[in-house]
Amino acid sequence: WASMEAAGSFAMPWKDLRFTLDGLLGHFDDGSEDVTGSSESFGHSSGTFGSLAGNLSFAMPWLSRGTTLSVDIQGGSLFGEPPLQARYFIGGRKTVPGYAFRTQIGDRYWLARTEASVGILPPFLNLRAFGAAGRAWGGDLIFDLLSTSVKDPPVLLSAGLGVGLGWDVIRLDLARGLRDDGEWQVILSVRPDFWPFL
């Protein structure tokens, strides 16, 4: 496996708005045959691929001191013959909570998340409400646990409430998937700012 990646951030008209763009070019060869003997089922054992993904985020104090509103929109597309681990996965924690982990997989995706939080006993305790929507689709390897139509998976929707403890470092969330096959989930996590260090 070899890859080359480039990323950049771009100035926006408002200081609270940020746009980033990531591109990747890679090649892999695991030295084995395809799992099923066909590249149409579980992908390729070797190939060259690329990806392009963008992220638009916005966060600002809202209405009163201690209240914050944030919006995050991202999307991406793969090209060529990507391996399974390079595909995009949607569903579950960090994407659209309230559904089985990695419910959807595909060569293209979009994901939107919004959150409003208010300090109750700052900085030790805050309360927030959040919502998420997303979809992954496309490619020769695509499945959707919630739909019989694998070529046109539905948009996943969820909403929930949560609390943040100790400068919002530790988070405890209760989320619900809003489709018929959605479920209740209790999620214990660390603030996204700390994910690169874990």
C-alpha atoms as a PDB file:
ATOM      1  CA  TRP A   1       0.000   0.000   0.000  1.00  0.00           C
ATOM      2  CA  ALA A   2       1.367   3.418  -0.977  1.00  0.00           C
ATOM      3  CA  SER A   3      -0.400   6.761  -1.008  1.00  0.00           C
ATOM      4  CA  MET A   4       0.156  10.474  -1.358  1.00  0.00           C
ATOM      5  CA  GLU A   5      -2.188  12.955   0.324  1.00  0.00           C
ATOM      6  CA  ALA A   6      -2.656  16.719   0.124  1.00  0.00           C
ATOM      7  CA  ALA A   7      -4.924  18.922   2.223  1.00  0.00           C
ATOM      8  CA  GLY A   8      -5.662  22.601   2.364  1.00  0.00           C
ATOM      9  CA  SER A   9      -7.817  25.157   4.156  1.00  0.00           C
ATOM     10  CA  PHE A  10      -9.328  28.137   2.430  1.00  0.00           C
ATOM     11  CA  ALA A  11     -10.171  31.602   3.743  1.00  0.00           C
ATOM     12  CA  MET A  12     -13.897  32.323   3.937  1.00  0.00           C
ATOM     13  CA  PRO A  13     -15.846  35.603   4.155  1.00  0.00           C
ATOM     14  CA  TRP A  14     -16.763  34.948   7.819  1.00  0.00           C
ATOM     15  CA  LYS A  15     -14.227  34.104  10.506  1.00  0.00           C
ATOM     16  CA  ASP A  16     -16.488  31.387  11.989  1.00  0.00           C
ATOM     17  CA  LEU A  17     -16.740  29.592   8.637  1.00  0.00           C
ATOM     18  CA  ARG A  18     -14.042  27.142   7.543  1.00  0.00           C
ATOM     19  CA  PHE A  19     -13.580  25.074   4.374  1.00  0.00           C
ATOM     20  CA  THR A  20     -11.032  22.293   3.934  1.00  0.00           C
ATOM     21  CA  LEU A  21     -10.278  20.105   0.930  1.00  0.00           C
ATOM     22  CA  ASP A  22      -8.412  16.779   0.955  1.00  0.00           C
ATOM     23  CA  GLY A  23      -7.108  14.773  -1.976  1.00  0.00           C
ATOM     24  CA  LEU A  24      -5.440  11.367  -2.027  1.00  0.00           C
ATOM     25  CA  LEU A  25      -3.792   9.209  -4.681  1.00  0.00           C
ATOM     26  CA  GLY A  26      -2.939   5.630  -3.770  1.00  0.00           C
ATOM     27  CA  HIS A  27      -1.983   2.194  -5.018  1.00  0.00           C
ATOM     28  CA  PHE A  28      -2.338  -1.151  -3.273  1.00  0.00           C
ATOM     29  CA  ASP A  29      -1.446  -4.756  -3.984  1.00  0.00           C
ATOM     30  CA  ASP A  30      -2.019  -7.435  -1.345  1.00  0.00           C
ATOM     31  CA  GLY A  31      -0.575 -10.191  -3.531  1.00  0.00           C
ATOM     32  CA  SER A  32      -3.723 -12.311  -3.372  1.00  0.00           C
ATOM     33  CA  GLU A  33      -6.711 -13.159  -5.500  1.00  0.00           C
ATOM     34  CA  ASP A  34     -10.084 -11.467  -4.964  1.00  0.00           C
ATOM     35  CA  VAL A  35     -12.035 -12.978  -2.071  1.00  0.00           C
ATOM     36  CA  THR A  36     -14.697 -14.432  -4.332  1.00  0.00           C
ATOM     37  CA  GLY A  37     -12.673 -14.612  -7.535  1.00  0.00           C
ATOM     38  CA  SER A  38     -14.639 -11.680  -8.915  1.00  0.00           C
ATOM     39  CA  SER A  39     -13.933  -7.960  -8.599  1.00  0.00           C
ATOM     40  CA  GLU A  40     -17.684  -7.281  -8.580  1.00  0.00           C
ATOM     41  CA  SER A  41     -18.268  -8.640  -5.091  1.00  0.00           C
ATOM     42  CA  PHE A  42     -15.599  -7.775  -2.546  1.00  0.00           C
ATOM     43  CA  GLY A  43     -13.434  -5.359  -4.509  1.00  0.00           C
ATOM     44  CA  HIS A  44      -9.978  -5.758  -6.018  1.00  0.00           C
ATOM     45  CA  SER A  45      -6.772  -7.293  -4.658  1.00  0.00           C
ATOM     46  CA  SER A  46      -4.754  -4.552  -6.367  1.00  0.00           C
ATOM     47  CA  GLY A  47      -5.419  -1.251  -8.049  1.00  0.00           C
ATOM     48  CA  THR A  48      -4.875   2.484  -8.244  1.00  0.00           C
ATOM     49  CA  PHE A  49      -7.391   4.880  -6.765  1.00  0.00           C
ATOM     50  CA  GLY A  50      -7.925   8.452  -5.691  1.00  0.00           C
ATOM     51  CA  SER A  51     -10.261  10.427  -3.497  1.00  0.00           C
ATOM     52  CA  LEU A  52     -11.449  13.995  -3.132  1.00  0.00           C
ATOM     53  CA  ALA A  53     -13.300  15.179  -0.008  1.00  0.00           C
ATOM     54  CA  GLY A  54     -14.415  18.526   1.333  1.00  0.00           C
ATOM     55  CA  ASN A  55     -15.608  19.820   4.688  1.00  0.00           C
ATOM     56  CA  LEU A  56     -17.497  23.031   5.470  1.00  0.00           C
ATOM     57  CA  SER A  57     -17.848  23.856   9.166  1.00  0.00           C
ATOM     58  CA  PHE A  58     -19.370  26.733  11.083  1.00  0.00           C
ATOM     59  CA  ALA A  59     -19.401  27.404  14.830  1.00  0.00           C
ATOM     60  CA  MET A  60     -20.281  30.543  16.755  1.00  0.00           C
ATOM     61  CA  PRO A  61     -21.755  31.802  20.038  1.00  0.00           C
ATOM     62  CA  TRP A  62     -25.522  32.084  19.703  1.00  0.00           C
ATOM     63  CA  LEU A  63     -28.118  34.244  21.469  1.00  0.00           C
ATOM     64  CA  SER A  64     -26.452  34.366  24.863  1.00  0.00           C
ATOM     65  CA  ARG A  65     -23.179  33.701  26.618  1.00  0.00           C
ATOM     66  CA  GLY A  66     -22.452  30.004  27.009  1.00  0.00           C
ATOM     67  CA  THR A  67     -24.606  28.978  24.034  1.00  0.00           C
ATOM     68  CA  THR A  68     -22.952  27.692  20.862  1.00  0.00           C
ATOM     69  CA  LEU A  69     -24.340  26.660  17.486  1.00  0.00           C
ATOM     70  CA  SER A  70     -22.293  24.532  15.087  1.00  0.00           C
ATOM     71  CA  VAL A  71     -22.903  23.054  11.641  1.00  0.00           C
ATOM     72  CA  ASP A  72     -20.648  20.600   9.803  1.00  0.00           C
ATOM     73  CA  ILE A  73     -21.184  19.483   6.182  1.00  0.00           C
ATOM     74  CA  GLN A  74     -18.858  17.087   4.414  1.00  0.00           C
ATOM     75  CA  GLY A  75     -18.765  14.903   1.340  1.00  0.00           C
ATOM     76  CA  GLY A  76     -16.388  12.911  -0.790  1.00  0.00           C
ATOM     77  CA  SER A  77     -15.919  10.677  -3.804  1.00  0.00           C
ATOM     78  CA  LEU A  78     -13.554   7.836  -4.713  1.00  0.00           C
ATOM     79  CA  PHE A  79     -12.148   7.140  -8.163  1.00  0.00           C
ATOM     80  CA  GLY A  80     -10.460   4.161  -9.788  1.00  0.00           C
ATOM     81  CA  GLU A  81     -10.320   0.806  -7.972  1.00  0.00           C
ATOM     82  CA  PRO A  82     -10.326   1.522  -4.222  1.00  0.00           C
ATOM     83  CA  PRO A  83      -9.870  -1.257  -1.629  1.00  0.00           C
ATOM     84  CA  LEU A  84     -12.587  -2.004   0.893  1.00  0.00           C
ATOM     85  CA  GLN A  85     -10.921  -0.051   3.704  1.00  0.00           C
ATOM     86  CA  ALA A  86     -10.860   3.123   1.596  1.00  0.00           C
ATOM     87  CA  ARG A  87     -14.643   3.149   1.044  1.00  0.00           C
ATOM     88  CA  TYR A  88     -16.915   5.528   2.897  1.00  0.00           C
ATOM     89  CA  PHE A  89     -19.026   4.185   5.769  1.00  0.00           C
ATOM     90  CA  ILE A  90     -22.151   5.844   7.185  1.00  0.00           C
ATOM     91  CA  GLY A  91     -24.099   4.788  10.272  1.00  0.00           C
ATOM     92  CA  GLY A  92     -23.438   4.691  13.998  1.00  0.00           C
ATOM     93  CA  ARG A  93     -21.233   6.838  16.217  1.00  0.00           C
ATOM     94  CA  LYS A  94     -19.192   9.664  14.647  1.00  0.00           C
ATOM     95  CA  THR A  95     -21.490   9.720  11.575  1.00  0.00           C
ATOM     96  CA  VAL A  96     -25.265   9.202  11.988  1.00  0.00           C
ATOM     97  CA  PRO A  97     -25.947   7.744  15.458  1.00  0.00           C
ATOM     98  CA  GLY A  98     -29.088   5.712  16.036  1.00  0.00           C
ATOM     99  CA  TYR A  99     -28.252   3.084  13.411  1.00  0.00           C
ATOM    100  CA  ALA A 100     -26.065  -0.003  13.245  1.00  0.00           C
ATOM    101  CA  PHE A 101     -22.356   0.752  12.869  1.00  0.00           C
ATOM    102  CA  ARG A 102     -21.418   1.160   9.187  1.00  0.00           C
ATOM    103  CA  THR A 103     -24.952   0.634   7.931  1.00  0.00           C
ATOM    104  CA  GLN A 104     -24.069   1.980   4.486  1.00  0.00           C
ATOM    105  CA  ILE A 105     -20.889   1.734   2.405  1.00  0.00           C
ATOM    106  CA  GLY A 106     -20.076   3.276  -0.946  1.00  0.00           C
ATOM    107  CA  ASP A 107     -17.709   5.195  -3.193  1.00  0.00           C
ATOM    108  CA  ARG A 108     -19.486   8.503  -2.520  1.00  0.00           C
ATOM    109  CA  TYR A 109     -20.990  10.054   0.563  1.00  0.00           C
ATOM    110  CA  TRP A 110     -22.320  13.178   2.191  1.00  0.00           C
ATOM    111  CA  LEU A 111     -22.836  13.891   5.871  1.00  0.00           C
ATOM    112  CA  ALA A 112     -24.388  16.865   7.675  1.00  0.00           C
ATOM    113  CA  ARG A 113     -24.405  17.428  11.427  1.00  0.00           C
ATOM    114  CA  THR A 114     -25.671  20.278  13.562  1.00  0.00           C
ATOM    115  CA  GLU A 115     -25.444  20.895  17.291  1.00  0.00           C
ATOM    116  CA  ALA A 116     -26.602  23.520  19.792  1.00  0.00           C
ATOM    117  CA  SER A 117     -25.118  23.521  23.286  1.00  0.00           C
ATOM    118  CA  VAL A 118     -25.672  25.611  26.403  1.00  0.00           C
ATOM    119  CA  GLY A 119     -23.614  25.792  29.581  1.00  0.00           C
ATOM    120  CA  ILE A 120     -25.506  24.674  32.700  1.00  0.00           C
ATOM    121  CA  LEU A 121     -22.624  24.758  35.175  1.00  0.00           C
ATOM    122  CA  PRO A 122     -19.770  25.941  32.991  1.00  0.00           C
ATOM    123  CA  PRO A 123     -17.204  24.645  32.457  1.00  0.00           C
ATOM    124  CA  PHE A 124     -18.162  21.470  34.293  1.00  0.00           C
ATOM    125  CA  LEU A 125     -21.545  20.654  32.722  1.00  0.00           C
ATOM    126  CA  ASN A 126     -23.306  21.575  29.503  1.00  0.00           C
ATOM    127  CA  LEU A 127     -26.410  20.338  27.710  1.00  0.00           C
ATOM    128  CA  ARG A 128     -26.788  19.990  23.962  1.00  0.00           C
ATOM    129  CA  ALA A 129     -29.165  18.887  21.226  1.00  0.00           C
ATOM    130  CA  PHE A 130     -27.919  17.503  17.926  1.00  0.00           C
ATOM    131  CA  GLY A 131     -29.069  16.122  14.607  1.00  0.00           C
ATOM    132  CA  ALA A 132     -27.388  14.269  11.750  1.00  0.00           C
ATOM    133  CA  ALA A 133     -28.153  13.144   8.208  1.00  0.00           C
ATOM    134  CA  GLY A 134     -26.023  11.206   5.748  1.00  0.00           C
ATOM    135  CA  ARG A 135     -25.843   8.758   2.883  1.00  0.00           C
ATOM    136  CA  ALA A 136     -23.193   6.544   1.243  1.00  0.00           C
ATOM    137  CA  TRP A 137     -23.738   5.004  -2.172  1.00  0.00           C
ATOM    138  CA  GLY A 138     -22.139   3.946  -5.464  1.00  0.00           C
ATOM    139  CA  GLY A 139     -19.434   1.504  -6.466  1.00  0.00           C
ATOM    140  CA  ASP A 140     -19.367  -2.220  -7.181  1.00  0.00           C
ATOM    141  CA  LEU A 141     -19.279  -2.959  -3.439  1.00  0.00           C
ATOM    142  CA  ILE A 142     -22.360  -1.361  -1.889  1.00  0.00           C
ATOM    143  CA  PHE A 143     -24.827  -2.586   0.665  1.00  0.00           C
ATOM    144  CA  ASP A 144     -27.477  -1.094   2.890  1.00  0.00           C
ATOM    145  CA  LEU A 145     -28.751  -2.947   5.952  1.00  0.00           C
ATOM    146  CA  LEU A 146     -32.006  -0.962   5.959  1.00  0.00           C
ATOM    147  CA  SER A 147     -33.081  -1.264   2.346  1.00  0.00           C
ATOM    148  CA  THR A 148     -33.523  -3.984  -0.272  1.00  0.00           C
ATOM    149  CA  SER A 149     -32.477  -1.499  -2.982  1.00  0.00           C
ATOM    150  CA  VAL A 150     -28.689  -1.491  -2.728  1.00  0.00           C
ATOM    151  CA  LYS A 151     -28.278   0.910  -5.665  1.00  0.00           C
ATOM    152  CA  ASP A 152     -30.352   3.628  -4.040  1.00  0.00           C
ATOM    153  CA  PRO A 153     -29.849   3.551  -0.242  1.00  0.00           C
ATOM    154  CA  PRO A 154     -31.996   5.965   1.781  1.00  0.00           C
ATOM    155  CA  VAL A 155     -30.816   9.036   3.637  1.00  0.00           C
ATOM    156  CA  LEU A 156     -30.198   8.219   7.309  1.00  0.00           C
ATOM    157  CA  LEU A 157     -31.589  10.733   9.824  1.00  0.00           C
ATOM    158  CA  SER A 158     -31.101  10.960  13.582  1.00  0.00           C
ATOM    159  CA  ALA A 159     -31.491  13.332  16.523  1.00  0.00           C
ATOM    160  CA  GLY A 160     -30.565  13.289  20.186  1.00  0.00           C
ATOM    161  CA  LEU A 161     -29.644  14.978  23.437  1.00  0.00           C
ATOM    162  CA  GLY A 162     -26.426  14.842  25.392  1.00  0.00           C
ATOM    163  CA  VAL A 163     -24.359  16.244  28.238  1.00  0.00           C
ATOM    164  CA  GLY A 164     -20.727  17.319  28.274  1.00  0.00           C
ATOM    165  CA  LEU A 165     -18.544  16.996  31.368  1.00  0.00           C
ATOM    166  CA  GLY A 166     -15.335  18.801  32.309  1.00  0.00           C
ATOM    167  CA  TRP A 167     -14.869  21.460  29.616  1.00  0.00           C
ATOM    168  CA  ASP A 168     -16.972  19.233  27.334  1.00  0.00           C
ATOM    169  CA  VAL A 169     -14.149  16.676  27.088  1.00  0.00           C
ATOM    170  CA  ILE A 170     -16.309  13.694  28.076  1.00  0.00           C
ATOM    171  CA  ARG A 171     -19.671  13.377  26.323  1.00  0.00           C
ATOM    172  CA  LEU A 172     -22.671  11.171  27.088  1.00  0.00           C
ATOM    173  CA  ASP A 173     -25.317  11.129  24.343  1.00  0.00           C
ATOM    174  CA  LEU A 174     -28.725   9.556  23.789  1.00  0.00           C
ATOM    175  CA  ALA A 175     -29.503   9.294  20.062  1.00  0.00           C
ATOM    176  CA  ARG A 176     -32.408   7.933  18.054  1.00  0.00           C
ATOM    177  CA  GLY A 177     -32.463   6.961  14.367  1.00  0.00           C
ATOM    178  CA  LEU A 178     -35.521   8.553  12.772  1.00  0.00           C
ATOM    179  CA  ARG A 179     -36.155   5.946  10.082  1.00  0.00           C
ATOM    180  CA  ASP A 180     -38.378   2.945  10.794  1.00  0.00           C
ATOM    181  CA  ASP A 181     -35.340   0.756  11.471  1.00  0.00           C
ATOM    182  CA  GLY A 182     -33.584   3.306  13.636  1.00  0.00           C
ATOM    183  CA  GLU A 183     -32.774   2.470  17.237  1.00  0.00           C
ATOM    184  CA  TRP A 184     -31.971   4.127  20.545  1.00  0.00           C
ATOM    185  CA  GLN A 185     -28.265   4.362  21.322  1.00  0.00           C
ATOM    186  CA  VAL A 186     -26.357   5.553  24.384  1.00  0.00           C
ATOM    187  CA  ILE A 187     -22.907   6.762  23.368  1.00  0.00           C
ATOM    188  CA  LEU A 188     -19.963   7.658  25.594  1.00  0.00           C
ATOM    189  CA  SER A 189     -17.294   9.576  23.701  1.00  0.00           C
ATOM    190  CA  VAL A 190     -14.536  12.174  23.815  1.00  0.00           C
ATOM    191  CA  ARG A 191     -14.849  15.613  22.206  1.00  0.00           C
ATOM    192  CA  PRO A 192     -13.885  15.448  18.471  1.00  0.00           C
ATOM    193  CA  ASP A 193     -10.949  17.826  19.034  1.00  0.00           C
ATOM    194  CA  PHE A 194      -9.211  14.981  20.888  1.00  0.00           C
ATOM    195  CA  TRP A 195      -9.827  12.221  18.313  1.00  0.00           C
ATOM    196  CA  PRO A 196      -6.427  12.628  16.568  1.00  0.00           C
ATOM    197  CA  PHE A 197      -4.680  11.942  19.897  1.00  0.00           C
ATOM    198  CA  LEU A 198      -6.562   8.720  20.715  1.00  0.00           C
END
